[in-house]
N, C-alpha and C. Protein backbone atom coordinates (compact mmCIF):
# COMPACT_ATOMS: atom_id res chain seq x y z
N MET A 1 0.72 -1.06 0.04
CA MET A 1 0.08 -0.11 0.17
C MET A 1 1.08 1.17 -0.12
N THR A 2 0.66 1.72 -1.00
CA THR A 2 1.29 3.26 -1.02
C THR A 2 1.16 4.43 0.13
N PHE A 3 1.47 5.26 0.38
CA PHE A 3 1.21 6.45 1.17
C PHE A 3 0.38 6.86 1.06
N GLN A 4 -0.94 7.58 2.30
CA GLN A 4 -2.04 8.19 2.16
C GLN A 4 -2.57 7.56 0.46
N SER A 5 -2.68 6.74 0.44
CA SER A 5 -3.12 6.35 -1.01
C SER A 5 -4.85 6.20 -1.22
N ASP A 6 -6.03 6.35 -0.32
CA ASP A 6 -6.97 6.07 -0.23
C ASP A 6 -7.83 7.60 -0.43
N PRO A 7 -7.98 8.07 -1.33
CA PRO A 7 -8.49 9.44 -1.70
C PRO A 7 -9.83 9.74 -0.93
N ARG A 8 -10.44 8.98 -0.19
CA ARG A 8 -11.55 9.07 0.49
C ARG A 8 -11.31 9.34 1.86
N ALA A 9 -10.01 9.17 2.32
CA ALA A 9 -9.15 9.28 3.71
C ALA A 9 -8.08 9.76 3.99
N ILE A 10 -8.22 10.26 5.08
CA ILE A 10 -6.64 10.60 5.44
C ILE A 10 -6.52 10.05 6.46
N ARG A 11 -5.27 9.25 6.45
CA ARG A 11 -5.21 8.68 8.36
C ARG A 11 -3.59 8.73 8.76
N TRP A 12 -3.72 9.66 10.37
CA TRP A 12 -2.53 9.60 10.75
C TRP A 12 -2.76 8.60 11.78
N ARG A 13 -1.30 8.52 12.88
CA ARG A 13 -1.37 7.48 13.95
C ARG A 13 0.35 8.66 15.13
N VAL A 14 -0.25 8.78 16.09
CA VAL A 14 1.00 9.50 16.85
C VAL A 14 0.71 8.59 18.03
N HIS A 15 1.98 8.21 18.85
CA HIS A 15 2.14 7.74 20.02
C HIS A 15 2.38 8.70 21.04
N LEU A 16 1.35 9.36 22.23
CA LEU A 16 1.65 9.24 23.18
C LEU A 16 2.31 9.10 24.71
N ARG A 17 2.74 9.60 25.02
CA ARG A 17 3.16 9.37 26.32
C ARG A 17 2.28 8.94 27.56
N SER A 18 1.20 9.99 27.14
CA SER A 18 -0.07 10.38 28.10
C SER A 18 -0.88 9.08 28.03
N ALA A 19 -1.54 8.80 28.81
CA ALA A 19 -2.65 7.92 29.21
C ALA A 19 -3.55 8.66 28.28
N PRO A 20 -4.78 7.71 27.83
CA PRO A 20 -5.82 7.22 27.13
C PRO A 20 -6.43 8.61 28.03
N GLU A 21 -7.40 8.75 28.99
CA GLU A 21 -8.03 9.78 30.06
C GLU A 21 -7.92 11.04 29.36
N ARG A 22 -6.29 11.19 29.64
CA ARG A 22 -5.67 12.74 29.22
C ARG A 22 -5.45 12.66 27.92
N VAL A 23 -5.44 12.38 27.04
CA VAL A 23 -5.49 12.70 25.52
C VAL A 23 -6.62 12.72 25.12
N PHE A 24 -8.18 11.99 25.73
CA PHE A 24 -9.60 11.98 25.28
C PHE A 24 -9.73 13.21 25.95
N ALA A 25 -9.31 14.05 27.01
CA ALA A 25 -10.01 15.11 27.57
C ALA A 25 -9.62 16.17 26.68
N MET A 26 -8.13 16.35 26.58
CA MET A 26 -7.72 17.07 25.07
C MET A 26 -8.63 17.24 24.45
N LEU A 27 -8.95 15.75 23.90
CA LEU A 27 -10.11 16.21 22.27
C LEU A 27 -11.06 16.58 22.50
N ALA A 28 -11.52 16.54 23.85
CA ALA A 28 -13.71 15.88 24.50
C ALA A 28 -13.79 17.43 25.13
N THR A 29 -12.93 17.78 25.08
CA THR A 29 -13.11 19.21 26.49
C THR A 29 -13.10 20.40 25.60
N ASP A 30 -13.86 21.74 25.90
CA ASP A 30 -13.23 22.97 25.62
C ASP A 30 -12.09 23.48 25.77
N ASP A 31 -11.36 23.07 27.42
CA ASP A 31 -10.57 23.51 27.95
C ASP A 31 -9.49 22.57 27.33
N GLY A 32 -9.35 21.32 26.96
CA GLY A 32 -8.53 20.77 26.37
C GLY A 32 -8.03 21.05 24.60
N ARG A 33 -8.79 21.56 24.12
CA ARG A 33 -9.24 21.77 23.03
C ARG A 33 -8.32 22.96 22.66
N ARG A 34 -8.70 23.83 23.66
CA ARG A 34 -8.25 25.40 23.67
C ARG A 34 -6.34 25.47 23.72
N ARG A 35 -5.79 24.15 24.66
CA ARG A 35 -4.85 23.96 24.56
C ARG A 35 -3.47 23.69 23.63
N PHE A 36 -4.17 23.41 22.69
CA PHE A 36 -3.91 22.90 21.63
C PHE A 36 -4.44 22.95 19.68
N TRP A 37 -5.14 23.15 19.99
CA TRP A 37 -5.99 23.48 18.79
C TRP A 37 -6.83 24.31 18.29
N ALA A 38 -7.66 25.36 19.11
CA ALA A 38 -8.59 26.40 18.73
C ALA A 38 -7.89 27.20 19.70
N GLU A 39 -8.13 28.34 19.13
CA GLU A 39 -8.05 29.89 20.22
C GLU A 39 -9.21 29.81 21.07
N ALA A 40 -10.23 29.38 20.29
CA ALA A 40 -11.85 29.24 21.19
C ALA A 40 -12.31 28.06 21.02
N SER A 41 -12.88 27.36 21.65
CA SER A 41 -13.96 26.28 22.00
C SER A 41 -14.62 26.53 22.83
N GLU A 42 -16.19 26.46 22.03
CA GLU A 42 -17.10 26.20 23.36
C GLU A 42 -18.46 25.32 22.42
N GLU A 43 -18.27 24.45 23.93
CA GLU A 43 -19.51 23.38 23.23
C GLU A 43 -20.89 23.67 23.41
N ARG A 44 -22.19 23.60 22.51
CA ARG A 44 -22.94 23.76 23.39
C ARG A 44 -24.39 22.68 22.19
N ASP A 45 -24.64 22.20 22.86
CA ASP A 45 -25.91 21.38 22.38
C ASP A 45 -25.59 20.30 21.29
N GLY A 46 -24.20 19.93 21.73
CA GLY A 46 -23.55 19.13 20.76
C GLY A 46 -23.20 19.16 19.64
N VAL A 47 -22.23 20.63 19.85
CA VAL A 47 -22.17 21.57 18.63
C VAL A 47 -20.56 22.01 19.18
N ILE A 48 -19.35 21.42 18.67
CA ILE A 48 -18.13 23.01 19.34
C ILE A 48 -18.25 24.13 18.48
N HIS A 49 -18.11 24.84 19.10
CA HIS A 49 -17.93 26.48 17.92
C HIS A 49 -16.44 26.56 18.02
N PHE A 50 -15.32 26.36 17.20
CA PHE A 50 -14.54 26.08 16.93
C PHE A 50 -14.04 28.22 16.57
N GLU A 51 -13.00 28.53 17.09
CA GLU A 51 -12.38 29.98 16.43
C GLU A 51 -11.04 29.49 16.69
N PHE A 52 -10.35 29.63 15.23
CA PHE A 52 -9.01 28.98 15.23
C PHE A 52 -7.67 30.49 14.98
N PRO A 53 -6.64 29.82 14.98
CA PRO A 53 -5.89 31.24 14.97
C PRO A 53 -5.90 32.59 14.16
N ASP A 54 -6.27 31.87 12.91
CA ASP A 54 -6.71 32.89 11.97
C ASP A 54 -7.94 34.11 12.04
N GLY A 55 -8.70 33.47 12.76
CA GLY A 55 -10.00 34.31 13.23
C GLY A 55 -11.35 33.87 12.39
N SER A 56 -10.60 32.64 11.53
CA SER A 56 -11.77 32.02 10.79
C SER A 56 -12.76 31.11 12.09
N ARG A 57 -14.16 30.85 12.17
CA ARG A 57 -14.88 29.84 13.07
C ARG A 57 -15.12 28.66 12.00
N TRP A 58 -15.89 27.72 12.76
CA TRP A 58 -16.54 26.37 12.31
C TRP A 58 -16.91 25.56 13.54
N ALA A 59 -18.50 25.43 13.17
CA ALA A 59 -18.74 24.88 13.99
C ALA A 59 -19.50 23.45 13.73
N ALA A 60 -18.68 22.36 14.34
CA ALA A 60 -18.86 21.21 14.27
C ALA A 60 -19.59 20.28 15.14
N ARG A 61 -20.30 19.56 14.61
CA ARG A 61 -21.35 18.70 15.29
C ARG A 61 -20.53 17.47 16.01
N VAL A 62 -20.81 17.14 16.85
CA VAL A 62 -20.17 16.05 17.75
C VAL A 62 -20.85 14.73 17.68
N LEU A 63 -20.69 13.64 16.98
CA LEU A 63 -20.96 12.95 16.55
C LEU A 63 -21.37 11.33 17.62
N GLU A 64 -20.05 11.46 17.98
CA GLU A 64 -19.72 10.05 18.97
C GLU A 64 -18.94 11.02 20.20
N CYS A 65 -19.21 10.77 20.98
CA CYS A 65 -18.27 10.61 22.54
C CYS A 65 -18.12 9.68 23.85
N LEU A 66 -17.38 8.68 23.16
CA LEU A 66 -17.16 7.57 23.86
C LEU A 66 -15.59 7.65 24.59
N ALA A 67 -15.71 7.78 26.30
CA ALA A 67 -15.06 8.28 26.55
C ALA A 67 -13.83 6.61 27.36
N PRO A 68 -12.90 6.61 27.29
CA PRO A 68 -11.62 7.16 26.58
C PRO A 68 -11.14 6.85 25.63
N GLU A 69 -12.10 5.95 24.19
CA GLU A 69 -12.21 5.54 23.60
C GLU A 69 -11.87 6.47 22.26
N ARG A 70 -13.35 6.64 22.18
CA ARG A 70 -13.66 7.48 20.74
C ARG A 70 -14.22 8.90 20.45
N PHE A 71 -13.96 9.59 19.85
CA PHE A 71 -14.58 11.11 19.66
C PHE A 71 -14.66 11.30 18.17
N VAL A 72 -15.90 11.58 17.95
CA VAL A 72 -15.79 11.31 16.21
C VAL A 72 -16.93 12.57 16.15
N LEU A 73 -16.01 14.02 15.18
CA LEU A 73 -17.05 14.87 14.71
C LEU A 73 -17.22 14.65 13.63
N GLU A 74 -18.46 15.58 13.06
CA GLU A 74 -18.41 16.58 11.59
C GLU A 74 -17.69 17.51 11.77
N TYR A 75 -17.20 17.35 10.78
CA TYR A 75 -16.07 18.51 10.16
C TYR A 75 -16.22 19.06 9.08
N TYR A 76 -15.10 20.19 8.62
CA TYR A 76 -15.29 20.88 7.45
C TYR A 76 -15.70 20.10 6.00
N GLY A 77 -16.97 21.03 5.40
CA GLY A 77 -16.82 19.91 4.33
C GLY A 77 -18.36 18.75 4.31
N GLY A 78 -18.36 18.52 5.53
CA GLY A 78 -19.24 17.49 5.80
C GLY A 78 -18.28 15.98 5.84
N SER A 79 -17.16 16.26 5.73
CA SER A 79 -15.83 15.27 6.94
C SER A 79 -16.50 14.68 8.27
N ARG A 80 -16.31 13.24 8.40
CA ARG A 80 -16.27 12.67 9.74
C ARG A 80 -14.80 12.29 10.17
N VAL A 81 -14.48 13.03 11.13
CA VAL A 81 -13.20 12.68 12.20
C VAL A 81 -13.43 12.10 12.95
N THR A 82 -12.83 10.95 13.22
CA THR A 82 -12.68 10.01 13.88
C THR A 82 -11.18 10.08 15.01
N PHE A 83 -11.31 9.90 15.92
CA PHE A 83 -10.40 10.10 16.93
C PHE A 83 -10.77 8.92 17.94
N THR A 84 -9.35 7.85 17.54
CA THR A 84 -9.27 6.58 18.31
C THR A 84 -7.90 6.51 19.35
N CYS A 85 -8.12 6.37 20.70
CA CYS A 85 -7.40 6.33 21.85
C CYS A 85 -7.28 4.56 22.02
N THR A 86 -5.88 4.24 22.09
CA THR A 86 -5.42 3.27 22.61
C THR A 86 -4.62 2.49 23.51
N ALA A 87 -4.98 2.09 24.67
CA ALA A 87 -3.70 1.84 26.08
C ALA A 87 -2.40 1.37 24.69
N ASP A 88 -1.53 1.84 25.20
CA ASP A 88 0.18 0.91 24.55
C ASP A 88 0.54 -0.24 25.58
N ARG A 89 -0.14 0.11 26.76
CA ARG A 89 0.27 -0.90 28.24
C ARG A 89 1.26 -0.69 28.83
N ARG A 90 1.61 0.51 28.51
CA ARG A 90 2.84 1.24 29.25
C ARG A 90 2.34 2.79 29.75
N GLY A 91 1.34 2.96 30.27
CA GLY A 91 0.81 4.18 29.94
C GLY A 91 0.70 5.38 29.15
N GLY A 92 0.87 5.01 28.30
CA GLY A 92 0.73 6.17 27.07
C GLY A 92 -0.44 5.19 26.23
N THR A 93 -0.56 6.40 24.88
CA THR A 93 -1.64 6.57 23.97
C THR A 93 -0.52 6.19 22.81
N ASP A 94 -1.43 5.19 21.86
CA ASP A 94 -1.46 5.19 20.77
C ASP A 94 -2.83 5.77 19.81
N LEU A 95 -2.91 7.37 19.01
CA LEU A 95 -4.42 8.06 18.88
C LEU A 95 -3.69 7.56 17.54
N GLN A 96 -5.24 7.40 16.69
CA GLN A 96 -5.31 7.37 15.36
C GLN A 96 -6.13 8.31 14.84
N VAL A 97 -6.23 8.61 13.81
CA VAL A 97 -7.32 10.32 13.39
C VAL A 97 -7.24 9.78 12.10
N VAL A 98 -8.52 9.75 11.76
CA VAL A 98 -9.51 9.22 10.45
C VAL A 98 -10.38 10.47 9.66
N GLU A 99 -10.15 11.12 9.07
CA GLU A 99 -10.92 12.33 8.25
C GLU A 99 -11.42 11.20 6.79
N GLN A 100 -12.84 10.77 6.85
CA GLN A 100 -13.30 10.03 5.82
C GLN A 100 -14.24 10.99 5.37
N ASP A 101 -14.14 11.22 3.83
CA ASP A 101 -14.44 12.16 3.20
C ASP A 101 -14.32 13.15 2.95
N PRO A 102 -12.77 14.08 2.80
CA PRO A 102 -12.60 14.89 3.11
C PRO A 102 -12.69 15.85 1.79
N PRO A 103 -13.02 16.82 2.05
CA PRO A 103 -13.30 18.09 0.97
C PRO A 103 -12.47 17.52 -0.23
N ARG A 104 -12.59 17.03 -1.29
CA ARG A 104 -11.58 16.71 -2.56
C ARG A 104 -10.68 17.99 -2.51
N PHE A 105 -10.82 19.36 -2.78
CA PHE A 105 -10.34 20.30 -3.04
C PHE A 105 -9.44 20.85 -1.98
N GLU A 106 -9.71 20.46 -0.62
CA GLU A 106 -8.63 20.40 0.46
C GLU A 106 -7.82 19.33 1.18
N ARG A 107 -8.05 18.46 0.30
CA ARG A 107 -6.94 17.47 0.81
C ARG A 107 -6.00 17.10 0.84
N GLU A 108 -5.17 17.84 0.36
CA GLU A 108 -3.78 18.15 0.36
C GLU A 108 -3.66 19.20 1.59
N GLU A 109 -4.11 20.09 2.22
CA GLU A 109 -4.16 21.20 3.23
C GLU A 109 -4.43 20.29 4.34
N SER A 110 -5.61 19.43 4.19
CA SER A 110 -6.17 18.41 5.59
C SER A 110 -4.90 17.59 5.98
N LEU A 111 -4.43 17.10 4.81
CA LEU A 111 -3.33 15.94 5.07
C LEU A 111 -2.11 16.31 5.90
N ALA A 112 -1.65 17.61 5.39
CA ALA A 112 -0.69 18.23 6.01
C ALA A 112 -1.22 19.01 7.70
N GLY A 113 -2.29 19.32 7.88
CA GLY A 113 -2.98 20.13 8.56
C GLY A 113 -3.05 18.99 9.67
N TRP A 114 -3.72 18.14 9.61
CA TRP A 114 -3.45 17.51 10.58
C TRP A 114 -2.42 16.68 11.32
N VAL A 115 -1.45 16.42 10.62
CA VAL A 115 -0.19 16.80 11.11
C VAL A 115 0.12 17.54 12.21
N SER A 116 -0.21 18.86 11.63
CA SER A 116 0.20 20.16 12.45
C SER A 116 -0.82 19.72 13.95
N VAL A 117 -1.57 19.32 13.60
CA VAL A 117 -2.61 19.46 15.24
C VAL A 117 -2.42 18.47 16.00
N LEU A 118 -1.78 17.15 15.16
CA LEU A 118 -1.62 16.16 15.99
C LEU A 118 0.23 16.24 17.00
N LEU A 119 0.92 17.10 16.46
CA LEU A 119 2.55 17.48 17.07
C LEU A 119 1.83 18.44 18.30
N ALA A 120 0.84 19.32 17.63
CA ALA A 120 0.65 20.65 18.64
C ALA A 120 -0.14 19.61 20.09
N LEU A 121 -0.89 18.77 19.93
CA LEU A 121 -1.64 18.22 20.91
C LEU A 121 -0.45 16.85 21.45
N LYS A 122 0.46 16.49 20.69
CA LYS A 122 1.73 16.05 21.41
C LYS A 122 2.42 16.75 22.68
N ALA A 123 2.75 17.88 22.22
CA ALA A 123 3.39 18.92 23.00
C ALA A 123 2.59 19.48 24.19
N ALA A 124 1.23 20.27 24.04
CA ALA A 124 0.95 20.06 24.55
C ALA A 124 0.24 18.90 25.94
N VAL A 125 -0.22 17.54 25.30
CA VAL A 125 -0.44 16.90 26.60
C VAL A 125 0.56 16.27 27.06
N ASP A 126 1.83 15.78 26.44
CA ASP A 126 3.08 15.52 27.41
C ASP A 126 3.90 16.40 27.45
N HIS A 127 4.53 17.37 27.14
CA HIS A 127 5.10 18.50 27.18
C HIS A 127 4.81 19.57 28.13
N GLY A 128 3.42 19.82 28.26
CA GLY A 128 2.64 21.30 28.62
C GLY A 128 3.34 22.20 28.22
N VAL A 129 3.53 22.00 26.75
CA VAL A 129 4.22 23.32 25.43
C VAL A 129 3.27 24.00 24.83
N ASP A 130 3.15 24.99 24.16
CA ASP A 130 1.76 25.08 23.49
C ASP A 130 2.24 25.63 22.31
N LEU A 131 2.48 24.90 20.96
CA LEU A 131 3.43 25.45 19.92
C LEU A 131 2.78 26.61 19.26
N ARG A 132 1.94 26.55 19.10
CA ARG A 132 1.11 27.81 18.39
C ARG A 132 1.73 29.04 18.35
N ASN A 133 1.19 30.05 17.04
CA ASN A 133 1.72 31.48 17.46
C ASN A 133 0.67 32.39 18.27
N HIS A 134 -0.62 32.18 17.92
CA HIS A 134 -1.32 33.14 18.33
C HIS A 134 -0.86 34.40 17.90
N ASP A 135 -1.06 34.37 16.20
CA ASP A 135 -0.70 35.58 15.63
C ASP A 135 -1.47 35.77 14.43
N ARG A 136 -2.62 36.33 14.37
CA ARG A 136 -2.95 36.03 12.92
C ARG A 136 -2.47 36.66 12.01
N ALA A 137 -1.64 37.47 11.85
CA ALA A 137 -0.72 37.54 10.86
C ALA A 137 0.28 36.71 10.34
N ARG A 138 0.67 35.51 11.14
CA ARG A 138 1.45 34.26 11.37
C ARG A 138 0.61 32.75 11.25
N CYS A 139 0.02 32.60 10.54
CA CYS A 139 -0.90 31.41 10.42
C CYS A 139 -0.94 30.74 8.72
N TRP A 140 -1.86 29.74 9.12
CA TRP A 140 -1.64 28.72 7.97
C TRP A 140 -1.74 29.24 7.04
N ALA A 141 -2.69 29.98 6.53
CA ALA A 141 -3.18 30.48 5.33
C ALA A 141 -1.62 32.01 4.85
N GLN A 142 -1.03 32.22 5.64
CA GLN A 142 0.39 32.80 5.52
C GLN A 142 1.41 31.63 5.25
N GLY A 143 1.22 30.50 5.36
CA GLY A 143 2.36 29.57 5.00
C GLY A 143 2.82 29.23 6.60
N TYR A 144 2.57 29.79 7.20
CA TYR A 144 3.29 29.05 8.67
C TYR A 144 2.50 27.71 9.42
N VAL A 145 3.38 27.30 9.61
CA VAL A 145 2.92 25.69 10.46
C VAL A 145 2.35 26.05 11.62
N ASP A 146 1.03 26.52 11.72
CA ASP A 146 0.27 26.65 12.97
C ASP A 146 -1.42 26.23 12.74
N ASN A 147 -2.04 25.44 13.59
CA ASN A 147 -3.19 25.04 13.48
C ASN A 147 -3.89 26.51 13.82
């Protein structure tokens, strides 16, 4: 199988030294998402209202929230994003993200974007570090690696 060969799905995995419960909390809570992914995150009535570093906003419907294993969102363009946390038997987590049916015109950007999100998550949950710029003039749209 070649790298990311399925045009209908983007798949990434990252290993985290933090326990699945901690990783899941970063994904499934407003406080967690604000620590690595969004400038603002407010979940109301099963919808997460994101504000990203560039000022853009998105409302993502939560489709499934099964702590601490699985968190599923309806994301950009109606794609479905599934985060699966699996204990590594050493206290850490293998996290997989799958974006099913990403918009065709955004596939390349999404492919790279998830790497940025996952590495920012790893820095935040495992090391207490925020990798983001928090600067609208230095965002993804300007060519900066910043989710």
